[in-house]
C-alpha atoms as a PDB file:
ATOM      1  CA  MET A   1    -181.080 -11.703  27.675  1.00  0.00           C
ATOM      2  CA  LYS A   2    -182.028 -11.557  31.380  1.00  0.00           C
ATOM      3  CA  LEU A   3    -178.860 -10.134  33.024  1.00  0.00           C
ATOM      4  CA  ALA A   4    -178.110  -9.722  36.735  1.00  0.00           C
ATOM      5  CA  LEU A   5    -175.444  -6.754  37.555  1.00  0.00           C
ATOM      6  CA  LEU A   6    -173.501  -7.422  40.684  1.00  0.00           C
ATOM      7  CA  GLY A   7    -172.385  -4.286  42.285  1.00  0.00           C
ATOM      8  CA  TYR A   8    -174.680  -1.183  41.583  1.00  0.00           C
ATOM      9  CA  GLY A   9    -172.106   1.569  41.264  1.00  0.00           C
ATOM     10  CA  ARG A  10    -171.355   3.942  38.771  1.00  0.00           C
ATOM     11  CA  MET A  11    -169.851   1.023  36.386  1.00  0.00           C
ATOM     12  CA  GLY A  12    -173.203  -1.008  37.303  1.00  0.00           C
ATOM     13  CA  LYS A  13    -175.534   2.005  36.376  1.00  0.00           C
ATOM     14  CA  GLU A  14    -173.442   2.814  33.004  1.00  0.00           C
ATOM     15  CA  ILE A  15    -173.503  -1.047  31.930  1.00  0.00           C
ATOM     16  CA  GLU A  16    -177.458  -0.974  32.957  1.00  0.00           C
ATOM     17  CA  LYS A  17    -178.242   1.727  30.458  1.00  0.00           C
ATOM     18  CA  ILE A  18    -175.901   0.189  27.629  1.00  0.00           C
ATOM     19  CA  ALA A  19    -177.630  -3.349  28.381  1.00  0.00           C
ATOM     20  CA  LEU A  20    -180.792  -1.663  27.916  1.00  0.00           C
ATOM     21  CA  GLU A  21    -179.999  -0.058  24.815  1.00  0.00           C
ATOM     22  CA  ARG A  22    -179.252  -3.240  23.574  1.00  0.00           C
ATOM     23  CA  GLY A  23    -182.430  -4.797  24.220  1.00  0.00           C
ATOM     24  CA  HIS A  24    -181.825  -6.718  27.326  1.00  0.00           C
ATOM     25  CA  GLU A  25    -183.880  -7.019  30.560  1.00  0.00           C
ATOM     26  CA  ILE A  26    -181.961  -6.445  34.055  1.00  0.00           C
ATOM     27  CA  VAL A  27    -183.764  -8.720  36.278  1.00  0.00           C
ATOM     28  CA  ILE A  28    -180.815  -8.392  39.456  1.00  0.00           C
ATOM     29  CA  THR A  29    -179.459  -5.612  40.876  1.00  0.00           C
ATOM     30  CA  SER A  30    -177.302  -5.985  43.573  1.00  0.00           C
ATOM     31  CA  ASN A  31    -174.308  -3.889  46.198  1.00  0.00           C
ATOM     32  CA  GLY A  32    -173.769  -7.353  48.391  1.00  0.00           C
ATOM     33  CA  GLU A  33    -176.671  -6.752  50.696  1.00  0.00           C
ATOM     34  CA  GLU A  34    -179.399  -7.656  48.799  1.00  0.00           C
ATOM     35  CA  THR A  35    -180.853 -11.246  48.756  1.00  0.00           C
ATOM     36  CA  TYR A  36    -181.843 -12.378  45.116  1.00  0.00           C
ATOM     37  CA  ASP A  37    -181.968 -15.418  43.222  1.00  0.00           C
ATOM     38  CA  ILE A  38    -179.178 -15.984  40.567  1.00  0.00           C
ATOM     39  CA  THR A  39    -181.089 -18.478  38.479  1.00  0.00           C
ATOM     40  CA  LYS A  40    -183.443 -15.882  37.318  1.00  0.00           C
ATOM     41  CA  ALA A  41    -180.356 -14.322  35.163  1.00  0.00           C
ATOM     42  CA  ASP A  42    -179.152 -15.830  31.742  1.00  0.00           C
ATOM     43  CA  VAL A  43    -175.908 -14.114  32.483  1.00  0.00           C
ATOM     44  CA  ALA A  44    -174.326 -11.785  35.489  1.00  0.00           C
ATOM     45  CA  ILE A  45    -171.923  -9.165  35.378  1.00  0.00           C
ATOM     46  CA  ASP A  46    -169.871  -8.717  38.615  1.00  0.00           C
ATOM     47  CA  PHE A  47    -168.343  -4.807  39.244  1.00  0.00           C
ATOM     48  CA  SER A  48    -168.783  -4.983  42.872  1.00  0.00           C
ATOM     49  CA  VAL A  49    -165.944  -4.486  45.350  1.00  0.00           C
ATOM     50  CA  PRO A  50    -162.426  -6.988  45.929  1.00  0.00           C
ATOM     51  CA  THR A  51    -164.031  -8.107  48.985  1.00  0.00           C
ATOM     52  CA  SER A  52    -167.337  -9.360  47.265  1.00  0.00           C
ATOM     53  CA  ALA A  53    -166.047 -10.272  44.164  1.00  0.00           C
ATOM     54  CA  TYR A  54    -165.113 -14.110  44.716  1.00  0.00           C
ATOM     55  CA  ASN A  55    -168.114 -14.967  46.415  1.00  0.00           C
ATOM     56  CA  ASN A  56    -170.288 -13.466  43.290  1.00  0.00           C
ATOM     57  CA  ILE A  57    -168.431 -15.482  40.614  1.00  0.00           C
ATOM     58  CA  SER A  58    -168.729 -18.630  42.547  1.00  0.00           C
ATOM     59  CA  THR A  59    -172.066 -18.191  43.482  1.00  0.00           C
ATOM     60  CA  CYS A  60    -172.923 -17.440  39.554  1.00  0.00           C
ATOM     61  CA  ILE A  61    -170.893 -20.472  38.511  1.00  0.00           C
ATOM     62  CA  GLU A  62    -172.192 -22.838  41.359  1.00  0.00           C
ATOM     63  CA  ASN A  63    -175.669 -22.287  39.992  1.00  0.00           C
ATOM     64  CA  ASN A  64    -174.998 -22.520  36.081  1.00  0.00           C
ATOM     65  CA  VAL A  65    -174.915 -19.139  35.324  1.00  0.00           C
ATOM     66  CA  PRO A  66    -172.010 -17.596  33.306  1.00  0.00           C
ATOM     67  CA  VAL A  67    -170.189 -14.603  34.752  1.00  0.00           C
ATOM     68  CA  VAL A  68    -168.216 -11.825  33.053  1.00  0.00           C
ATOM     69  CA  SER A  69    -166.052 -10.296  36.265  1.00  0.00           C
ATOM     70  CA  GLY A  70    -164.432  -6.627  36.135  1.00  0.00           C
ATOM     71  CA  THR A  71    -163.723  -6.240  39.511  1.00  0.00           C
ATOM     72  CA  THR A  72    -159.504  -5.764  40.615  1.00  0.00           C
ATOM     73  CA  GLY A  73    -158.042  -6.239  43.348  1.00  0.00           C
ATOM     74  CA  TRP A  74    -159.479 -10.034  44.321  1.00  0.00           C
ATOM     75  CA  LEU A  75    -156.680 -11.836  42.239  1.00  0.00           C
ATOM     76  CA  ASP A  76    -155.480 -13.927  44.575  1.00  0.00           C
ATOM     77  CA  LYS A  77    -158.801 -16.375  44.358  1.00  0.00           C
ATOM     78  CA  TYR A  78    -158.692 -16.027  40.692  1.00  0.00           C
ATOM     79  CA  ASN A  79    -157.096 -19.645  40.176  1.00  0.00           C
ATOM     80  CA  ASP A  80    -159.636 -20.925  42.443  1.00  0.00           C
ATOM     81  CA  ALA A  81    -162.251 -19.236  40.280  1.00  0.00           C
ATOM     82  CA  VAL A  82    -160.606 -21.096  37.377  1.00  0.00           C
ATOM     83  CA  GLU A  83    -160.646 -24.523  39.004  1.00  0.00           C
ATOM     84  CA  LEU A  84    -164.529 -24.030  40.140  1.00  0.00           C
ATOM     85  CA  CYS A  85    -165.730 -22.899  36.906  1.00  0.00           C
ATOM     86  CA  LYS A  86    -163.619 -26.069  35.222  1.00  0.00           C
ATOM     87  CA  GLU A  87    -165.459 -28.679  37.895  1.00  0.00           C
ATOM     88  CA  LYS A  88    -168.709 -27.174  37.165  1.00  0.00           C
ATOM     89  CA  LYS A  89    -168.377 -26.739  33.536  1.00  0.00           C
ATOM     90  CA  GLY A  90    -169.430 -23.322  33.861  1.00  0.00           C
ATOM     91  CA  GLY A  91    -168.198 -20.265  31.580  1.00  0.00           C
ATOM     92  CA  PHE A  92    -166.346 -17.412  33.136  1.00  0.00           C
ATOM     93  CA  ILE A  93    -164.659 -13.903  31.625  1.00  0.00           C
ATOM     94  CA  TYR A  94    -162.589 -12.212  33.986  1.00  0.00           C
ATOM     95  CA  ALA A  95    -160.557  -8.721  32.695  1.00  0.00           C
ATOM     96  CA  SER A  96    -158.848  -6.231  34.146  1.00  0.00           C
ATOM     97  CA  ASN A  97    -160.376  -3.702  31.395  1.00  0.00           C
ATOM     98  CA  PHE A  98    -163.227  -4.866  29.052  1.00  0.00           C
ATOM     99  CA  SER A  99    -162.688  -1.660  26.621  1.00  0.00           C
ATOM    100  CA  LEU A 100    -161.781  -2.524  23.073  1.00  0.00           C
ATOM    101  CA  GLY A 101    -159.204   0.243  22.642  1.00  0.00           C
ATOM    102  CA  VAL A 102    -157.542  -1.193  26.239  1.00  0.00           C
ATOM    103  CA  ASN A 103    -157.352  -4.402  24.676  1.00  0.00           C
ATOM    104  CA  ILE A 104    -155.357  -3.632  21.577  1.00  0.00           C
ATOM    105  CA  PHE A 105    -153.482  -1.347  24.190  1.00  0.00           C
ATOM    106  CA  PHE A 106    -152.497  -4.490  25.910  1.00  0.00           C
ATOM    107  CA  ALA A 107    -151.439  -6.400  22.795  1.00  0.00           C
ATOM    108  CA  LEU A 108    -149.373  -3.506  21.229  1.00  0.00           C
ATOM    109  CA  ASN A 109    -147.871  -2.841  24.899  1.00  0.00           C
ATOM    110  CA  GLU A 110    -146.680  -6.548  24.617  1.00  0.00           C
ATOM    111  CA  LYS A 111    -145.199  -6.377  20.811  1.00  0.00           C
ATOM    112  CA  LEU A 112    -143.360  -2.701  21.898  1.00  0.00           C
ATOM    113  CA  ALA A 113    -141.737  -4.986  24.889  1.00  0.00           C
ATOM    114  CA  ALA A 114    -140.394  -7.849  22.742  1.00  0.00           C
ATOM    115  CA  MET A 115    -139.172  -5.325  20.398  1.00  0.00           C
ATOM    116  CA  MET A 116    -137.539  -3.208  22.848  1.00  0.00           C
ATOM    117  CA  ASN A 117    -136.077  -6.054  25.283  1.00  0.00           C
ATOM    118  CA  PRO A 118    -132.624  -5.995  23.375  1.00  0.00           C
ATOM    119  CA  GLN A 119    -132.415  -2.217  23.858  1.00  0.00           C
ATOM    120  CA  LYS A 120    -130.837  -2.564  27.601  1.00  0.00           C
ATOM    121  CA  GLN A 121    -130.035   1.555  27.341  1.00  0.00           C
ATOM    122  CA  TYR A 122    -133.741   1.955  28.041  1.00  0.00           C
ATOM    123  CA  ASN A 123    -135.495   2.332  31.434  1.00  0.00           C
ATOM    124  CA  LEU A 124    -139.107   1.513  31.756  1.00  0.00           C
ATOM    125  CA  ASP A 125    -141.979   2.571  33.874  1.00  0.00           C
ATOM    126  CA  ILE A 126    -145.506   2.624  33.844  1.00  0.00           C
ATOM    127  CA  GLU A 127    -148.126   5.397  35.168  1.00  0.00           C
ATOM    128  CA  GLU A 128    -151.866   5.141  35.653  1.00  0.00           C
ATOM    129  CA  ILE A 129    -154.261   7.504  36.601  1.00  0.00           C
ATOM    130  CA  HIS A 130    -157.758   7.066  38.191  1.00  0.00           C
ATOM    131  CA  HIS A 131    -160.410   8.875  40.075  1.00  0.00           C
ATOM    132  CA  THR A 132    -160.126   9.356  43.813  1.00  0.00           C
ATOM    133  CA  LYS A 133    -162.708   6.439  44.031  1.00  0.00           C
ATOM    134  CA  LYS A 134    -161.078   4.036  42.933  1.00  0.00           C
ATOM    135  CA  LEU A 135    -160.246   1.201  45.747  1.00  0.00           C
ATOM    136  CA  ASP A 136    -157.270  -0.605  44.456  1.00  0.00           C
ATOM    137  CA  ALA A 137    -153.776   0.643  43.529  1.00  0.00           C
ATOM    138  CA  PRO A 138    -152.212  -0.330  41.193  1.00  0.00           C
ATOM    139  CA  SER A 139    -154.856  -0.741  38.632  1.00  0.00           C
ATOM    140  CA  GLY A 140    -155.467  -3.960  37.581  1.00  0.00           C
ATOM    141  CA  THR A 141    -154.999  -2.326  33.898  1.00  0.00           C
ATOM    142  CA  ALA A 142    -151.448  -1.353  34.862  1.00  0.00           C
ATOM    143  CA  ILE A 143    -150.662  -4.963  36.359  1.00  0.00           C
ATOM    144  CA  THR A 144    -152.051  -6.805  33.348  1.00  0.00           C
ATOM    145  CA  LEU A 145    -149.534  -4.258  31.188  1.00  0.00           C
ATOM    146  CA  ALA A 146    -146.879  -5.029  33.495  1.00  0.00           C
ATOM    147  CA  GLU A 147    -147.434  -9.003  33.238  1.00  0.00           C
ATOM    148  CA  GLY A 148    -147.205  -8.445  29.473  1.00  0.00           C
ATOM    149  CA  ILE A 149    -144.092  -6.706  29.646  1.00  0.00           C
ATOM    150  CA  ILE A 150    -142.850  -9.538  31.860  1.00  0.00           C
ATOM    151  CA  ASN A 151    -143.915 -12.454  29.830  1.00  0.00           C
ATOM    152  CA  ASN A 152    -142.567 -10.915  26.428  1.00  0.00           C
ATOM    153  CA  SER A 153    -138.854  -9.149  28.241  1.00  0.00           C
ATOM    154  CA  ASP A 154    -136.052  -9.988  30.580  1.00  0.00           C
ATOM    155  CA  LYS A 155    -138.459  -7.990  33.433  1.00  0.00           C
ATOM    156  CA  GLN A 156    -139.361 -10.510  36.223  1.00  0.00           C
ATOM    157  CA  LYS A 157    -141.816  -8.320  38.537  1.00  0.00           C
ATOM    158  CA  TRP A 158    -143.240  -4.924  39.002  1.00  0.00           C
ATOM    159  CA  GLU A 159    -143.747  -3.054  42.467  1.00  0.00           C
ATOM    160  CA  LEU A 160    -145.958   0.254  43.152  1.00  0.00           C
ATOM    161  CA  ASP A 161    -143.515   3.229  43.583  1.00  0.00           C
ATOM    162  CA  GLY A 162    -140.415   1.429  42.799  1.00  0.00           C
ATOM    163  CA  GLU A 163    -137.215   2.176  41.014  1.00  0.00           C
ATOM    164  CA  SER A 164    -136.673   0.968  37.530  1.00  0.00           C
ATOM    165  CA  THR A 165    -133.824  -1.881  37.072  1.00  0.00           C
ATOM    166  CA  LYS A 166    -132.687  -4.510  34.924  1.00  0.00           C
ATOM    167  CA  GLU A 167    -135.519  -7.132  36.303  1.00  0.00           C
ATOM    168  CA  LEU A 168    -138.127  -4.508  37.918  1.00  0.00           C
ATOM    169  CA  ILE A 169    -141.122  -2.487  36.265  1.00  0.00           C
ATOM    170  CA  PRO A 170    -141.802   0.637  38.640  1.00  0.00           C
ATOM    171  CA  ILE A 171    -145.971   1.295  38.803  1.00  0.00           C
ATOM    172  CA  THR A 172    -146.746   4.967  39.646  1.00  0.00           C
ATOM    173  CA  ALA A 173    -150.248   5.338  40.531  1.00  0.00           C
ATOM    174  CA  VAL A 174    -152.164   8.630  40.539  1.00  0.00           C
ATOM    175  CA  ARG A 175    -155.570   9.170  41.947  1.00  0.00           C
ATOM    176  CA  THR A 176    -157.457  12.455  40.703  1.00  0.00           C
ATOM    177  CA  PRO A 177    -161.248  13.968  40.975  1.00  0.00           C
ATOM    178  CA  ASP A 178    -163.311  12.491  37.734  1.00  0.00           C
ATOM    179  CA  VAL A 179    -160.453  10.445  35.694  1.00  0.00           C
ATOM    180  CA  PRO A 180    -161.879   7.572  34.193  1.00  0.00           C
ATOM    181  CA  GLY A 181    -158.790   5.935  33.499  1.00  0.00           C
ATOM    182  CA  THR A 182    -155.117   6.381  31.935  1.00  0.00           C
ATOM    183  CA  HIS A 183    -152.378   3.941  31.564  1.00  0.00           C
ATOM    184  CA  THR A 184    -148.969   5.256  29.759  1.00  0.00           C
ATOM    185  CA  ILE A 185    -146.060   2.827  29.192  1.00  0.00           C
ATOM    186  CA  LYS A 186    -142.480   5.160  28.978  1.00  0.00           C
ATOM    187  CA  TYR A 187    -139.087   3.534  27.830  1.00  0.00           C
ATOM    188  CA  ASN A 188    -136.660   6.441  28.291  1.00  0.00           C
ATOM    189  CA  SER A 189    -132.940   6.568  27.756  1.00  0.00           C
ATOM    190  CA  GLU A 190    -130.212   9.282  27.678  1.00  0.00           C
ATOM    191  CA  VAL A 191    -131.300  10.290  24.191  1.00  0.00           C
ATOM    192  CA  ASP A 192    -134.617   9.980  23.698  1.00  0.00           C
ATOM    193  CA  SER A 193    -138.105   8.451  24.746  1.00  0.00           C
ATOM    194  CA  ILE A 194    -140.867   6.321  23.452  1.00  0.00           C
ATOM    195  CA  GLU A 195    -144.125   6.219  24.841  1.00  0.00           C
ATOM    196  CA  ILE A 196    -147.390   4.939  24.329  1.00  0.00           C
ATOM    197  CA  LYS A 197    -150.492   5.736  26.226  1.00  0.00           C
ATOM    198  CA  HIS A 198    -154.024   5.115  26.539  1.00  0.00           C
ATOM    199  CA  THR A 199    -156.912   7.633  27.771  1.00  0.00           C
ATOM    200  CA  ALA A 200    -160.279   6.429  28.664  1.00  0.00           C
ATOM    201  CA  HIS A 201    -162.610   9.530  28.100  1.00  0.00           C
ATOM    202  CA  ASN A 202    -165.754   8.455  29.929  1.00  0.00           C
ATOM    203  CA  ARG A 203    -166.974   4.786  31.167  1.00  0.00           C
ATOM    204  CA  LYS A 204    -168.756   4.036  28.244  1.00  0.00           C
ATOM    205  CA  GLY A 205    -166.365   1.975  26.410  1.00  0.00           C
ATOM    206  CA  PHE A 206    -165.669  -0.310  29.784  1.00  0.00           C
ATOM    207  CA  ALA A 207    -169.549  -0.968  30.099  1.00  0.00           C
ATOM    208  CA  LEU A 208    -169.953  -1.483  26.344  1.00  0.00           C
ATOM    209  CA  GLY A 209    -167.375  -4.348  26.089  1.00  0.00           C
ATOM    210  CA  ALA A 210    -168.635  -6.233  29.432  1.00  0.00           C
ATOM    211  CA  VAL A 211    -172.117  -6.167  27.828  1.00  0.00           C
ATOM    212  CA  VAL A 212    -170.338  -7.564  24.881  1.00  0.00           C
ATOM    213  CA  ALA A 213    -168.582 -10.194  26.770  1.00  0.00           C
ATOM    214  CA  ALA A 214    -171.368 -11.153  28.476  1.00  0.00           C
ATOM    215  CA  GLU A 215    -173.736 -11.546  25.285  1.00  0.00           C
ATOM    216  CA  TRP A 216    -170.623 -13.673  23.666  1.00  0.00           C
ATOM    217  CA  LEU A 217    -169.967 -15.706  26.788  1.00  0.00           C
ATOM    218  CA  ILE A 218    -174.020 -17.100  26.957  1.00  0.00           C
ATOM    219  CA  GLY A 219    -173.551 -21.241  25.740  1.00  0.00           C
ATOM    220  CA  LYS A 220    -170.320 -21.360  26.335  1.00  0.00           C
ATOM    221  CA  GLU A 221    -168.363 -23.341  28.450  1.00  0.00           C
ATOM    222  CA  GLY A 222    -164.630 -22.230  30.056  1.00  0.00           C
ATOM    223  CA  VAL A 223    -162.885 -19.559  30.844  1.00  0.00           C
ATOM    224  CA  TYR A 224    -161.978 -17.311  28.592  1.00  0.00           C
ATOM    225  CA  SER A 225    -160.597 -13.722  28.048  1.00  0.00           C
ATOM    226  CA  MET A 226    -161.502 -10.289  25.921  1.00  0.00           C
ATOM    227  CA  ARG A 227    -158.942 -11.448  23.217  1.00  0.00           C
ATOM    228  CA  ASP A 228    -161.304 -14.274  22.638  1.00  0.00           C
ATOM    229  CA  VAL A 229    -164.347 -12.335  22.557  1.00  0.00           C
ATOM    230  CA  LEU A 230    -162.434  -9.263  20.395  1.00  0.00           C
ATOM    231  CA  ASN A 231    -160.482 -12.184  18.881  1.00  0.00           C
ATOM    232  CA  ILE A 232    -157.433 -10.590  18.981  1.00  0.00           C
ATOM    233  CA  GLY A 233    -154.172 -12.258  18.296  1.00  0.00           C
END
């Protein structure tokens, strides 16, 4: 496939390596300053910045180029992207995290939330740790984890650096050099603790998932998630 990389930072370069290894051709690399013809690409992968993501995605959809986005921090316009995709009969996948392991972790988190919901003696919190160059906090992955808990429990909202209550999930965001991403869900009571954690060792898993998603999306119409790509129930 002919691939456009919209966002050519560390993740973009890692995606490029994986795509080339899998026999694909990179026809566009852009950091937002270059002009390009998106119609040269069969599919686009957006790992840009929050201020550029929606423009990248809408440009692809307007030009009938399916697009996969892993940029976080722009989701106030996510519904606009969904509506545009439906209107133009395009193909679109957004994921806060493309790693196979993380998507299994998402499903595990939801099942655990439902199991723990009757156990009111436990306080819940989420911690995420990323490299110092990550622009948004909390991470999109942490927000997805919080939303998964909210959809499967009596919790109603999340808050950065908040206090755990019956209705609130606090998220702690830590920034430290050279950490690809670690996410921990903690349930603590007076007598014990239950914890699940996903630790990324490098960016290769994220890049591979994004390329697999792009391969899967070609020829499809609609808005999808990584659960569709990986057939995770």
